[in-house]
């Protein structure tokens, strides 16, 4: 299944409760065979630069 995962905070790096939960949901969906695309806002350039760590589990849109 193709899944569009919308999040108000980008789920990587998983350093806070909401990011940890979202990251684990994306990872689980990927591991169960789904194609996941994450759409989210980056609140800073640092957050945008760090987003590449999730690339093994999904495509992403900033």
PDB file of N, CA and C in Angstrom:
ATOM      1  N   UNK A   1       0.842  -1.168   0.000  1.00  0.00           N
ATOM      2  CA  UNK A   1       0.000   0.000   0.000  1.00  0.00           C
ATOM      3  C   UNK A   1       0.896   1.243   0.000  1.00  0.00           C
ATOM      4  N   UNK A   2       0.504   2.273  -0.714  1.00  0.00           N
ATOM      5  CA  UNK A   2       1.192   3.564  -0.692  1.00  0.00           C
ATOM      6  C   UNK A   2       0.562   4.419   0.403  1.00  0.00           C
ATOM      7  N   UNK A   3       1.379   4.892   1.325  1.00  0.00           N
ATOM      8  CA  UNK A   3       0.890   5.654   2.471  1.00  0.00           C
ATOM      9  C   UNK A   3       1.536   7.033   2.480  1.00  0.00           C
ATOM     10  N   UNK A   4       0.716   8.066   2.624  1.00  0.00           N
ATOM     11  CA  UNK A   4       1.200   9.429   2.817  1.00  0.00           C
ATOM     12  C   UNK A   4       1.067   9.725   4.303  1.00  0.00           C
ATOM     13  N   UNK A   5       2.195   9.896   4.976  1.00  0.00           N
ATOM     14  CA  UNK A   5       2.233  10.148   6.412  1.00  0.00           C
ATOM     15  C   UNK A   5       2.424  11.644   6.628  1.00  0.00           C
ATOM     16  N   UNK A   6       1.411  12.309   7.147  1.00  0.00           N
ATOM     17  CA  UNK A   6       1.468  13.747   7.407  1.00  0.00           C
ATOM     18  C   UNK A   6       1.831  13.977   8.865  1.00  0.00           C
ATOM     19  N   UNK A   7       2.763  14.893   9.097  1.00  0.00           N
ATOM     20  CA  UNK A   7       3.199  15.152  10.460  1.00  0.00           C
ATOM     21  C   UNK A   7       3.481  16.640  10.638  1.00  0.00           C
ATOM     22  N   UNK A   8       3.088  17.176  11.793  1.00  0.00           N
ATOM     23  CA  UNK A   8       3.332  18.600  12.043  1.00  0.00           C
ATOM     24  C   UNK A   8       4.793  18.859  12.414  1.00  0.00           C
ATOM     25  N   UNK A   9       5.522  17.829  12.837  1.00  0.00           N
ATOM     26  CA  UNK A   9       6.963  17.917  13.100  1.00  0.00           C
ATOM     27  C   UNK A   9       7.641  16.781  12.355  1.00  0.00           C
ATOM     28  N   UNK A  10       8.773  17.049  11.746  1.00  0.00           N
ATOM     29  CA  UNK A  10       9.469  15.997  11.016  1.00  0.00           C
ATOM     30  C   UNK A  10       9.967  14.951  12.017  1.00  0.00           C
ATOM     31  N   UNK A  11       9.707  13.662  11.773  1.00  0.00           N
ATOM     32  CA  UNK A  11       9.976  12.629  12.769  1.00  0.00           C
ATOM     33  C   UNK A  11      11.431  12.179  12.890  1.00  0.00           C
ATOM     34  N   UNK A  12      12.353  12.956  12.409  1.00  0.00           N
ATOM     35  CA  UNK A  12      13.757  12.587  12.536  1.00  0.00           C
ATOM     36  C   UNK A  12      14.586  13.823  12.830  1.00  0.00           C
ATOM     37  N   UNK A  13      15.506  13.772  13.753  1.00  0.00           N
ATOM     38  CA  UNK A  13      15.879  12.640  14.582  1.00  0.00           C
ATOM     39  C   UNK A  13      14.849  12.395  15.687  1.00  0.00           C
ATOM     40  N   UNK A  14      14.648  11.139  16.059  1.00  0.00           N
ATOM     41  CA  UNK A  14      13.645  10.814  17.072  1.00  0.00           C
ATOM     42  C   UNK A  14      14.147  11.129  18.486  1.00  0.00           C
ATOM     43  N   UNK A  15      14.074  12.390  18.864  1.00  0.00           N
ATOM     44  CA  UNK A  15      14.629  12.838  20.144  1.00  0.00           C
ATOM     45  C   UNK A  15      13.576  13.276  21.150  1.00  0.00           C
ATOM     46  N   UNK A  16      12.328  13.386  20.738  1.00  0.00           N
ATOM     47  CA  UNK A  16      11.233  13.807  21.616  1.00  0.00           C
ATOM     48  C   UNK A  16      10.086  12.820  21.459  1.00  0.00           C
ATOM     49  N   UNK A  17       9.161  12.852  22.388  1.00  0.00           N
ATOM     50  CA  UNK A  17       8.061  11.901  22.394  1.00  0.00           C
ATOM     51  C   UNK A  17       7.289  11.824  21.090  1.00  0.00           C
ATOM     52  N   UNK A  18       6.871  12.988  20.564  1.00  0.00           N
ATOM     53  CA  UNK A  18       6.084  12.968  19.324  1.00  0.00           C
ATOM     54  C   UNK A  18       6.911  12.502  18.133  1.00  0.00           C
ATOM     55  N   UNK A  19       8.179  12.869  18.097  1.00  0.00           N
ATOM     56  CA  UNK A  19       9.046  12.446  17.002  1.00  0.00           C
ATOM     57  C   UNK A  19       9.373  10.956  17.099  1.00  0.00           C
ATOM     58  N   UNK A  20       9.554  10.456  18.311  1.00  0.00           N
ATOM     59  CA  UNK A  20       9.843   9.034  18.508  1.00  0.00           C
ATOM     60  C   UNK A  20       8.661   8.195  18.029  1.00  0.00           C
ATOM     61  N   UNK A  21       7.458   8.600  18.415  1.00  0.00           N
ATOM     62  CA  UNK A  21       6.262   7.854  18.018  1.00  0.00           C
ATOM     63  C   UNK A  21       6.090   7.864  16.498  1.00  0.00           C
ATOM     64  N   UNK A  22       6.209   9.030  15.893  1.00  0.00           N
ATOM     65  CA  UNK A  22       6.055   9.130  14.435  1.00  0.00           C
ATOM     66  C   UNK A  22       7.122   8.329  13.705  1.00  0.00           C
ATOM     67  N   UNK A  23       8.365   8.431  14.160  1.00  0.00           N
ATOM     68  CA  UNK A  23       9.460   7.687  13.528  1.00  0.00           C
ATOM     69  C   UNK A  23       9.188   6.187  13.579  1.00  0.00           C
ATOM     70  N   UNK A  24       8.771   5.690  14.747  1.00  0.00           N
ATOM     71  CA  UNK A  24       8.512   4.261  14.873  1.00  0.00           C
ATOM     72  C   UNK A  24       7.321   3.803  14.039  1.00  0.00           C
ATOM     73  N   UNK A  25       6.333   4.674  13.851  1.00  0.00           N
ATOM     74  CA  UNK A  25       5.204   4.337  12.982  1.00  0.00           C
ATOM     75  C   UNK A  25       5.670   4.217  11.533  1.00  0.00           C
ATOM     76  N   UNK A  26       6.470   5.168  11.077  1.00  0.00           N
ATOM     77  CA  UNK A  26       7.000   5.138   9.708  1.00  0.00           C
ATOM     78  C   UNK A  26       7.869   3.893   9.507  1.00  0.00           C
ATOM     79  N   UNK A  27       8.732   3.630  10.462  1.00  0.00           N
ATOM     80  CA  UNK A  27       9.624   2.463  10.385  1.00  0.00           C
ATOM     81  C   UNK A  27       8.812   1.168  10.335  1.00  0.00           C
ATOM     82  N   UNK A  28       7.801   1.034  11.183  1.00  0.00           N
ATOM     83  CA  UNK A  28       6.965  -0.162  11.205  1.00  0.00           C
ATOM     84  C   UNK A  28       6.224  -0.349   9.875  1.00  0.00           C
ATOM     85  N   UNK A  29       5.646   0.727   9.368  1.00  0.00           N
ATOM     86  CA  UNK A  29       4.920   0.635   8.096  1.00  0.00           C
ATOM     87  C   UNK A  29       5.850   0.188   6.971  1.00  0.00           C
ATOM     88  N   UNK A  30       7.054   0.735   6.959  1.00  0.00           N
ATOM     89  CA  UNK A  30       8.044   0.339   5.947  1.00  0.00           C
ATOM     90  C   UNK A  30       8.411  -1.141   6.095  1.00  0.00           C
ATOM     91  N   UNK A  31       8.654  -1.573   7.327  1.00  0.00           N
ATOM     92  CA  UNK A  31       9.082  -2.952   7.574  1.00  0.00           C
ATOM     93  C   UNK A  31       7.985  -3.967   7.271  1.00  0.00           C
ATOM     94  N   UNK A  32       6.727  -3.539   7.268  1.00  0.00           N
ATOM     95  CA  UNK A  32       5.636  -4.450   6.937  1.00  0.00           C
ATOM     96  C   UNK A  32       5.289  -4.405   5.450  1.00  0.00           C
ATOM     97  N   UNK A  33       6.137  -3.735   4.658  1.00  0.00           N
ATOM     98  CA  UNK A  33       6.020  -3.814   3.212  1.00  0.00           C
ATOM     99  C   UNK A  33       5.305  -2.665   2.525  1.00  0.00           C
ATOM    100  N   UNK A  34       4.986  -1.619   3.245  1.00  0.00           N
ATOM    101  CA  UNK A  34       4.300  -0.487   2.645  1.00  0.00           C
ATOM    102  C   UNK A  34       5.306   0.535   2.116  1.00  0.00           C
ATOM    103  N   UNK A  35       4.897   1.296   1.110  1.00  0.00           N
ATOM    104  CA  UNK A  35       5.702   2.406   0.600  1.00  0.00           C
ATOM    105  C   UNK A  35       5.205   3.668   1.302  1.00  0.00           C
ATOM    106  N   UNK A  36       6.074   4.302   2.070  1.00  0.00           N
ATOM    107  CA  UNK A  36       5.690   5.441   2.896  1.00  0.00           C
ATOM    108  C   UNK A  36       6.334   6.719   2.372  1.00  0.00           C
ATOM    109  N   UNK A  37       5.543   7.772   2.274  1.00  0.00           N
ATOM    110  CA  UNK A  37       6.041   9.107   1.973  1.00  0.00           C
ATOM    111  C   UNK A  37       5.658   9.994   3.134  1.00  0.00           C
ATOM    112  N   UNK A  38       6.638  10.690   3.714  1.00  0.00           N
ATOM    113  CA  UNK A  38       6.405  11.596   4.836  1.00  0.00           C
ATOM    114  C   UNK A  38       6.342  13.021   4.301  1.00  0.00           C
ATOM    115  N   UNK A  39       5.286  13.739   4.661  1.00  0.00           N
ATOM    116  CA  UNK A  39       5.152  15.161   4.320  1.00  0.00           C
ATOM    117  C   UNK A  39       5.111  15.936   5.624  1.00  0.00           C
ATOM    118  N   UNK A  40       6.008  16.902   5.752  1.00  0.00           N
ATOM    119  CA  UNK A  40       6.116  17.631   7.004  1.00  0.00           C
ATOM    120  C   UNK A  40       6.768  18.988   6.767  1.00  0.00           C
ATOM    121  N   UNK A  41       6.712  19.809   7.797  1.00  0.00           N
ATOM    122  CA  UNK A  41       7.391  21.100   7.781  1.00  0.00           C
ATOM    123  C   UNK A  41       8.729  20.979   8.495  1.00  0.00           C
ATOM    124  N   UNK A  42       9.720  21.661   8.008  1.00  0.00           N
ATOM    125  CA  UNK A  42      11.000  21.769   8.701  1.00  0.00           C
ATOM    126  C   UNK A  42      11.028  23.138   9.368  1.00  0.00           C
ATOM    127  N   UNK A  43      11.217  23.157  10.663  1.00  0.00           N
ATOM    128  CA  UNK A  43      11.173  24.414  11.423  1.00  0.00           C
ATOM    129  C   UNK A  43      12.491  25.182  11.384  1.00  0.00           C
ATOM    130  N   UNK A  44      13.551  24.522  10.945  1.00  0.00           N
ATOM    131  CA  UNK A  44      14.851  25.185  10.850  1.00  0.00           C
ATOM    132  C   UNK A  44      15.683  24.493   9.779  1.00  0.00           C
ATOM    133  N   UNK A  45      16.758  25.117   9.391  1.00  0.00           N
ATOM    134  CA  UNK A  45      17.652  24.505   8.413  1.00  0.00           C
ATOM    135  C   UNK A  45      18.310  23.260   9.000  1.00  0.00           C
ATOM    136  N   UNK A  46      18.608  23.276  10.297  1.00  0.00           N
ATOM    137  CA  UNK A  46      19.194  22.102  10.950  1.00  0.00           C
ATOM    138  C   UNK A  46      18.247  20.908  10.870  1.00  0.00           C
ATOM    139  N   UNK A  47      16.968  21.150  11.108  1.00  0.00           N
ATOM    140  CA  UNK A  47      15.981  20.082  11.022  1.00  0.00           C
ATOM    141  C   UNK A  47      15.885  19.566   9.591  1.00  0.00           C
ATOM    142  N   UNK A  48      15.926  20.438   8.627  1.00  0.00           N
ATOM    143  CA  UNK A  48      15.884  20.023   7.221  1.00  0.00           C
ATOM    144  C   UNK A  48      17.120  19.194   6.854  1.00  0.00           C
ATOM    145  N   UNK A  49      18.274  19.580   7.366  1.00  0.00           N
ATOM    146  CA  UNK A  49      19.506  18.849   7.071  1.00  0.00           C
ATOM    147  C   UNK A  49      19.514  17.462   7.722  1.00  0.00           C
ATOM    148  N   UNK A  50      18.914  17.339   8.902  1.00  0.00           N
ATOM    149  CA  UNK A  50      18.913  16.070   9.636  1.00  0.00           C
ATOM    150  C   UNK A  50      17.927  15.061   9.072  1.00  0.00           C
ATOM    151  N   UNK A  51      17.016  15.489   8.232  1.00  0.00           N
ATOM    152  CA  UNK A  51      15.940  14.611   7.768  1.00  0.00           C
ATOM    153  C   UNK A  51      16.441  13.438   6.937  1.00  0.00           C
ATOM    154  N   UNK A  52      17.628  13.506   6.429  1.00  0.00           N
ATOM    155  CA  UNK A  52      18.123  12.431   5.571  1.00  0.00           C
ATOM    156  C   UNK A  52      18.350  11.128   6.331  1.00  0.00           C
ATOM    157  N   UNK A  53      18.355  11.170   7.647  1.00  0.00           N
ATOM    158  CA  UNK A  53      18.522   9.957   8.441  1.00  0.00           C
ATOM    159  C   UNK A  53      17.349   9.004   8.353  1.00  0.00           C
ATOM    160  N   UNK A  54      16.215   9.467   7.900  1.00  0.00           N
ATOM    161  CA  UNK A  54      15.026   8.617   7.788  1.00  0.00           C
ATOM    162  C   UNK A  54      14.877   8.026   6.385  1.00  0.00           C
ATOM    163  N   UNK A  55      15.763   8.357   5.513  1.00  0.00           N
ATOM    164  CA  UNK A  55      15.657   7.977   4.103  1.00  0.00           C
ATOM    165  C   UNK A  55      15.585   6.465   3.876  1.00  0.00           C
ATOM    166  N   UNK A  56      16.094   5.646   4.796  1.00  0.00           N
ATOM    167  CA  UNK A  56      16.029   4.189   4.635  1.00  0.00           C
ATOM    168  C   UNK A  56      14.607   3.656   4.769  1.00  0.00           C
ATOM    169  N   UNK A  57      13.700   4.443   5.353  1.00  0.00           N
ATOM    170  CA  UNK A  57      12.353   3.969   5.640  1.00  0.00           C
ATOM    171  C   UNK A  57      11.258   4.632   4.798  1.00  0.00           C
ATOM    172  N   UNK A  58      11.594   5.717   4.106  1.00  0.00           N
ATOM    173  CA  UNK A  58      10.530   6.418   3.375  1.00  0.00           C
ATOM    174  C   UNK A  58      11.116   7.421   2.392  1.00  0.00           C
ATOM    175  N   UNK A  59      10.232   7.942   1.557  1.00  0.00           N
ATOM    176  CA  UNK A  59      10.516   9.139   0.774  1.00  0.00           C
ATOM    177  C   UNK A  59      10.018  10.300   1.629  1.00  0.00           C
ATOM    178  N   UNK A  60      10.477  11.502   1.375  1.00  0.00           N
ATOM    179  CA  UNK A  60       9.987  12.605   2.181  1.00  0.00           C
ATOM    180  C   UNK A  60       9.858  13.874   1.368  1.00  0.00           C
ATOM    181  N   UNK A  61       8.940  14.709   1.814  1.00  0.00           N
ATOM    182  CA  UNK A  61       8.681  16.020   1.225  1.00  0.00           C
ATOM    183  C   UNK A  61       8.787  17.050   2.334  1.00  0.00           C
ATOM    184  N   UNK A  62       9.563  18.085   2.115  1.00  0.00           N
ATOM    185  CA  UNK A  62       9.670  19.175   3.098  1.00  0.00           C
ATOM    186  C   UNK A  62       8.998  20.403   2.550  1.00  0.00           C
TER     187      UNK A  62
END
